[in-house]
PDB file of all heavy atoms in Angstrom:
ATOM      1  N   ILE A   1       0.805  -1.175  -0.002  1.00  0.00           N
ATOM      2  CA  ILE A   1       0.002   0.081  -0.066  1.00  0.00           C
ATOM      3  C   ILE A   1       0.924   1.249   0.050  1.00  0.00           C
ATOM      4  O   ILE A   1       1.987   1.164   0.487  1.00  0.00           O
ATOM      5  CB  ILE A   1      -0.903  -0.027   1.262  1.00  0.00           C
ATOM      6  CG1 ILE A   1      -0.321   0.024   2.511  1.00  0.00           C
ATOM      7  CG2 ILE A   1      -1.970  -1.170   1.116  1.00  0.00           C
ATOM      8  CD1 ILE A   1      -1.181   0.305   3.658  1.00  0.00           C
ATOM      9  N   ALA A   2       0.460   2.384  -0.639  1.00  0.00           N
ATOM     10  CA  ALA A   2       1.208   3.478  -0.704  1.00  0.00           C
ATOM     11  C   ALA A   2       0.392   4.728  -0.087  1.00  0.00           C
ATOM     12  O   ALA A   2      -0.392   5.358  -0.818  1.00  0.00           O
ATOM     13  CB  ALA A   2       1.454   3.827  -2.137  1.00  0.00           C
ATOM     14  N   PRO A   3       0.577   4.901   1.157  1.00  0.00           N
ATOM     15  CA  PRO A   3      -0.162   6.109   1.847  1.00  0.00           C
ATOM     16  C   PRO A   3       0.621   7.335   1.598  1.00  0.00           C
ATOM     17  O   PRO A   3       1.812   7.395   1.176  1.00  0.00           O
ATOM     18  CB  PRO A   3      -0.021   5.678   3.297  1.00  0.00           C
ATOM     19  CG  PRO A   3       1.138   4.917   3.510  1.00  0.00           C
ATOM     20  CD  PRO A   3       1.311   4.121   2.126  1.00  0.00           C
ATOM     21  N   SER A   4      -0.099   8.372   1.915  1.00  0.00           N
ATOM     22  CA  SER A   4       0.588   9.829   1.872  1.00  0.00           C
ATOM     23  C   SER A   4       1.149   9.928   3.172  1.00  0.00           C
ATOM     24  O   SER A   4       1.225   9.079   3.924  1.00  0.00           O
ATOM     25  CB  SER A   4      -0.436  10.841   1.482  1.00  0.00           C
ATOM     26  OG  SER A   4      -1.448  10.999   2.454  1.00  0.00           O
ATOM     27  N   MET A   5       1.404  11.192   3.550  1.00  0.00           N
ATOM     28  CA  MET A   5       2.072  11.532   4.956  1.00  0.00           C
ATOM     29  C   MET A   5       0.895  11.177   6.025  1.00  0.00           C
ATOM     30  O   MET A   5      -0.205  11.762   5.928  1.00  0.00           O
ATOM     31  CB  MET A   5       2.384  12.918   4.970  1.00  0.00           C
ATOM     32  CG  MET A   5       3.154  13.163   6.315  1.00  0.00           C
ATOM     33  SD  MET A   5       3.650  14.993   6.490  1.00  0.00           S
ATOM     34  CE  MET A   5       4.775  15.164   5.133  1.00  0.00           C
ATOM     35  N   VAL A   6       1.235  10.231   6.854  1.00  0.00           N
ATOM     36  CA  VAL A   6       0.344   9.769   7.931  1.00  0.00           C
ATOM     37  C   VAL A   6       0.793  10.417   9.212  1.00  0.00           C
ATOM     38  O   VAL A   6       1.823  10.585   9.559  1.00  0.00           O
ATOM     39  CB  VAL A   6       0.414   8.308   8.031  1.00  0.00           C
ATOM     40  CG1 VAL A   6      -0.550   7.821   9.180  1.00  0.00           C
ATOM     41  CG2 VAL A   6       0.100   7.545   6.763  1.00  0.00           C
ATOM     42  N   ARG A   7      -0.357  11.030   9.855  1.00  0.00           N
ATOM     43  CA  ARG A   7      -0.127  11.743  11.188  1.00  0.00           C
ATOM     44  C   ARG A   7       0.261  10.636  12.189  1.00  0.00           C
ATOM     45  O   ARG A   7      -0.609   9.864  12.682  1.00  0.00           O
ATOM     46  CB  ARG A   7      -1.338  12.495  11.658  1.00  0.00           C
ATOM     47  CG  ARG A   7      -1.062  13.373  12.878  1.00  0.00           C
ATOM     48  CD  ARG A   7      -2.293  14.106  13.333  1.00  0.00           C
ATOM     49  NE  ARG A   7      -2.884  14.926  12.281  1.00  0.00           N
ATOM     50  CZ  ARG A   7      -2.532  16.205  11.917  1.00  0.00           C
ATOM     51  NH1 ARG A   7      -1.372  16.600  12.537  1.00  0.00           N
ATOM     52  NH2 ARG A   7      -3.123  16.896  11.085  1.00  0.00           N
ATOM     53  N   THR A   8       1.512  10.562  12.598  1.00  0.00           N
ATOM     54  CA  THR A   8       2.025   9.734  13.648  1.00  0.00           C
ATOM     55  C   THR A   8       2.862  10.625  14.540  1.00  0.00           C
ATOM     56  O   THR A   8       3.157  11.812  14.159  1.00  0.00           O
ATOM     57  CB  THR A   8       2.899   8.600  13.076  1.00  0.00           C
ATOM     58  OG1 THR A   8       4.057   9.152  12.437  1.00  0.00           O
ATOM     59  CG2 THR A   8       2.153   7.718  12.123  1.00  0.00           C
ATOM     60  N   ALA A   9       3.296  10.122  15.684  1.00  0.00           N
ATOM     61  CA  ALA A   9       4.064  10.973  16.604  1.00  0.00           C
ATOM     62  C   ALA A   9       5.428  11.385  15.934  1.00  0.00           C
ATOM     63  O   ALA A   9       5.909  12.423  15.996  1.00  0.00           O
ATOM     64  CB  ALA A   9       4.291  10.208  17.935  1.00  0.00           C
ATOM     65  N   THR A  10       5.955  10.335  15.224  1.00  0.00           N
ATOM     66  CA  THR A  10       7.297  10.610  14.600  1.00  0.00           C
ATOM     67  C   THR A  10       7.080  11.684  13.452  1.00  0.00           C
ATOM     68  O   THR A  10       7.982  12.677  13.423  1.00  0.00           O
ATOM     69  CB  THR A  10       7.865   9.329  14.012  1.00  0.00           C
ATOM     70  OG1 THR A  10       8.068   8.289  15.075  1.00  0.00           O
ATOM     71  CG2 THR A  10       9.264   9.619  13.232  1.00  0.00           C
ATOM     72  N   ALA A  11       6.116  11.605  12.682  1.00  0.00           N
ATOM     73  CA  ALA A  11       5.792  12.517  11.664  1.00  0.00           C
ATOM     74  C   ALA A  11       5.488  13.886  12.200  1.00  0.00           C
ATOM     75  O   ALA A  11       5.989  14.986  11.570  1.00  0.00           O
ATOM     76  CB  ALA A  11       4.667  12.040  10.705  1.00  0.00           C
ATOM     77  N   GLU A  12       4.852  14.010  13.291  1.00  0.00           N
ATOM     78  CA  GLU A  12       4.579  15.233  14.003  1.00  0.00           C
ATOM     79  C   GLU A  12       5.842  16.085  14.412  1.00  0.00           C
ATOM     80  O   GLU A  12       6.097  17.192  14.226  1.00  0.00           O
ATOM     81  CB  GLU A  12       3.703  15.065  15.216  1.00  0.00           C
ATOM     82  CG  GLU A  12       2.283  14.728  14.891  1.00  0.00           C
ATOM     83  CD  GLU A  12       1.428  15.886  14.453  1.00  0.00           C
ATOM     84  OE1 GLU A  12       1.927  17.012  14.599  1.00  0.00           O
ATOM     85  OE2 GLU A  12       0.168  15.617  14.231  1.00  0.00           O
ATOM     86  N   ARG A  13       6.800  15.149  14.799  1.00  0.00           N
ATOM     87  CA  ARG A  13       8.153  15.817  15.271  1.00  0.00           C
ATOM     88  C   ARG A  13       9.075  16.131  14.172  1.00  0.00           C
ATOM     89  O   ARG A  13       9.879  16.959  14.231  1.00  0.00           O
ATOM     90  CB  ARG A  13       8.889  14.816  16.264  1.00  0.00           C
ATOM     91  CG  ARG A  13       8.314  14.702  17.636  1.00  0.00           C
ATOM     92  CD  ARG A  13       9.206  13.825  18.493  1.00  0.00           C
ATOM     93  NE  ARG A  13       9.744  12.681  17.904  1.00  0.00           N
ATOM     94  CZ  ARG A  13       9.100  11.459  17.922  1.00  0.00           C
ATOM     95  NH1 ARG A  13       7.988  11.294  18.510  1.00  0.00           N
ATOM     96  NH2 ARG A  13       9.683  10.468  17.352  1.00  0.00           N
ATOM     97  N   THR A  14       8.838  15.428  12.942  1.00  0.00           N
ATOM     98  CA  THR A  14       9.883  15.647  11.843  1.00  0.00           C
ATOM     99  C   THR A  14       9.273  16.376  10.743  1.00  0.00           C
ATOM    100  O   THR A  14       9.264  17.558  10.807  1.00  0.00           O
ATOM    101  CB  THR A  14      10.485  14.284  11.568  1.00  0.00           C
ATOM    102  OG1 THR A  14       9.224  13.384  11.017  1.00  0.00           O
ATOM    103  CG2 THR A  14      11.126  13.542  12.599  1.00  0.00           C
ATOM    104  N   VAL A  15       8.803  15.689   9.807  1.00  0.00           N
ATOM    105  CA  VAL A  15       8.305  16.393   8.584  1.00  0.00           C
ATOM    106  C   VAL A  15       7.071  17.184   8.779  1.00  0.00           C
ATOM    107  O   VAL A  15       6.874  18.218   8.082  1.00  0.00           O
ATOM    108  CB  VAL A  15       8.070  15.393   7.380  1.00  0.00           C
ATOM    109  CG1 VAL A  15       9.344  14.754   6.853  1.00  0.00           C
ATOM    110  CG2 VAL A  15       7.016  14.335   7.840  1.00  0.00           C
ATOM    111  N   GLY A  16       6.379  16.790   9.807  1.00  0.00           N
ATOM    112  CA  GLY A  16       5.118  17.643  10.107  1.00  0.00           C
ATOM    113  C   GLY A  16       5.354  18.910  10.826  1.00  0.00           C
ATOM    114  O   GLY A  16       4.586  19.953  10.832  1.00  0.00           O
ATOM    115  N   ALA A  17       6.613  18.970  11.490  1.00  0.00           N
ATOM    116  CA  ALA A  17       6.907  20.138  12.316  1.00  0.00           C
ATOM    117  C   ALA A  17       7.164  21.398  11.480  1.00  0.00           C
ATOM    118  O   ALA A  17       6.928  22.566  12.012  1.00  0.00           O
ATOM    119  CB  ALA A  17       8.127  19.984  13.168  1.00  0.00           C
ATOM    120  N   ASP A  18       7.515  21.277  10.216  1.00  0.00           N
ATOM    121  CA  ASP A  18       7.760  22.368   9.315  1.00  0.00           C
ATOM    122  C   ASP A  18       6.703  22.674   8.275  1.00  0.00           C
ATOM    123  O   ASP A  18       7.089  23.129   7.259  1.00  0.00           O
ATOM    124  CB  ASP A  18       9.241  22.251   8.819  1.00  0.00           C
ATOM    125  CG  ASP A  18       9.311  21.197   7.719  1.00  0.00           C
ATOM    126  OD1 ASP A  18       8.417  20.381   7.625  1.00  0.00           O
ATOM    127  OD2 ASP A  18      10.371  21.115   6.946  1.00  0.00           O
ATOM    128  N   GLY A  19       5.519  22.155   8.513  1.00  0.00           N
ATOM    129  CA  GLY A  19       4.344  22.383   7.731  1.00  0.00           C
ATOM    130  C   GLY A  19       4.241  21.421   6.690  1.00  0.00           C
ATOM    131  O   GLY A  19       3.479  21.626   5.574  1.00  0.00           O
ATOM    132  N   GLY A  20       4.934  20.254   6.824  1.00  0.00           N
ATOM    133  CA  GLY A  20       4.740  19.073   5.736  1.00  0.00           C
ATOM    134  C   GLY A  20       3.342  18.579   5.713  1.00  0.00           C
ATOM    135  O   GLY A  20       2.867  18.341   4.548  1.00  0.00           O
ATOM    136  N   PHE A  21       2.444  18.527   6.654  1.00  0.00           N
ATOM    137  CA  PHE A  21       1.147  18.129   6.678  1.00  0.00           C
ATOM    138  C   PHE A  21       0.323  19.048   5.699  1.00  0.00           C
ATOM    139  O   PHE A  21      -0.423  18.573   4.911  1.00  0.00           O
ATOM    140  CB  PHE A  21       0.548  17.942   7.934  1.00  0.00           C
ATOM    141  CG  PHE A  21       0.990  16.836   8.754  1.00  0.00           C
ATOM    142  CD1 PHE A  21       1.737  16.935   9.919  1.00  0.00           C
ATOM    143  CD2 PHE A  21       0.754  15.468   8.364  1.00  0.00           C
ATOM    144  CE1 PHE A  21       2.113  15.859  10.628  1.00  0.00           C
ATOM    145  CE2 PHE A  21       1.217  14.519   9.064  1.00  0.00           C
ATOM    146  CZ  PHE A  21       1.975  14.639  10.290  1.00  0.00           C
ATOM    147  N   GLU A  22       0.531  20.383   5.921  1.00  0.00           N
ATOM    148  CA  GLU A  22      -0.158  21.322   5.119  1.00  0.00           C
ATOM    149  C   GLU A  22       0.162  21.316   3.629  1.00  0.00           C
ATOM    150  O   GLU A  22      -0.546  21.394   2.810  1.00  0.00           O
ATOM    151  CB  GLU A  22       0.088  22.770   5.637  1.00  0.00           C
ATOM    152  CG  GLU A  22      -0.613  22.980   7.046  1.00  0.00           C
ATOM    153  CD  GLU A  22       0.258  22.385   8.186  1.00  0.00           C
ATOM    154  OE1 GLU A  22       1.441  22.110   7.987  1.00  0.00           O
ATOM    155  OE2 GLU A  22      -0.358  22.187   9.297  1.00  0.00           O
ATOM    156  N   ARG A  23       1.496  21.058   3.316  1.00  0.00           N
ATOM    157  CA  ARG A  23       1.873  20.905   1.896  1.00  0.00           C
ATOM    158  C   ARG A  23       1.336  19.783   1.276  1.00  0.00           C
ATOM    159  O   ARG A  23       0.886  19.886   0.104  1.00  0.00           O
ATOM    160  CB  ARG A  23       3.450  20.852   1.878  1.00  0.00           C
ATOM    161  CG  ARG A  23       4.136  22.222   2.053  1.00  0.00           C
ATOM    162  CD  ARG A  23       5.600  22.188   1.780  1.00  0.00           C
ATOM    163  NE  ARG A  23       6.347  21.184   2.446  1.00  0.00           N
ATOM    164  CZ  ARG A  23       6.801  21.431   3.762  1.00  0.00           C
ATOM    165  NH1 ARG A  23       6.661  22.602   4.325  1.00  0.00           N
ATOM    166  NH2 ARG A  23       7.601  20.568   4.300  1.00  0.00           N
ATOM    167  N   VAL A  24       1.207  18.609   2.066  1.00  0.00           N
ATOM    168  CA  VAL A  24       0.592  17.415   1.448  1.00  0.00           C
ATOM    169  C   VAL A  24      -0.958  17.623   1.345  1.00  0.00           C
ATOM    170  O   VAL A  24      -1.427  17.264   0.326  1.00  0.00           O
ATOM    171  CB  VAL A  24       0.859  16.147   2.391  1.00  0.00           C
ATOM    172  CG1 VAL A  24       0.014  14.992   1.881  1.00  0.00           C
ATOM    173  CG2 VAL A  24       2.407  15.827   2.216  1.00  0.00           C
TER     174      VAL A  24
END
């Protein structure tokens, strides 16, 4: 399966911390 950026604790601290969730 090929998900997009999934909200996890790790993603929140890394790629999500600099606006990654909004870009996706």
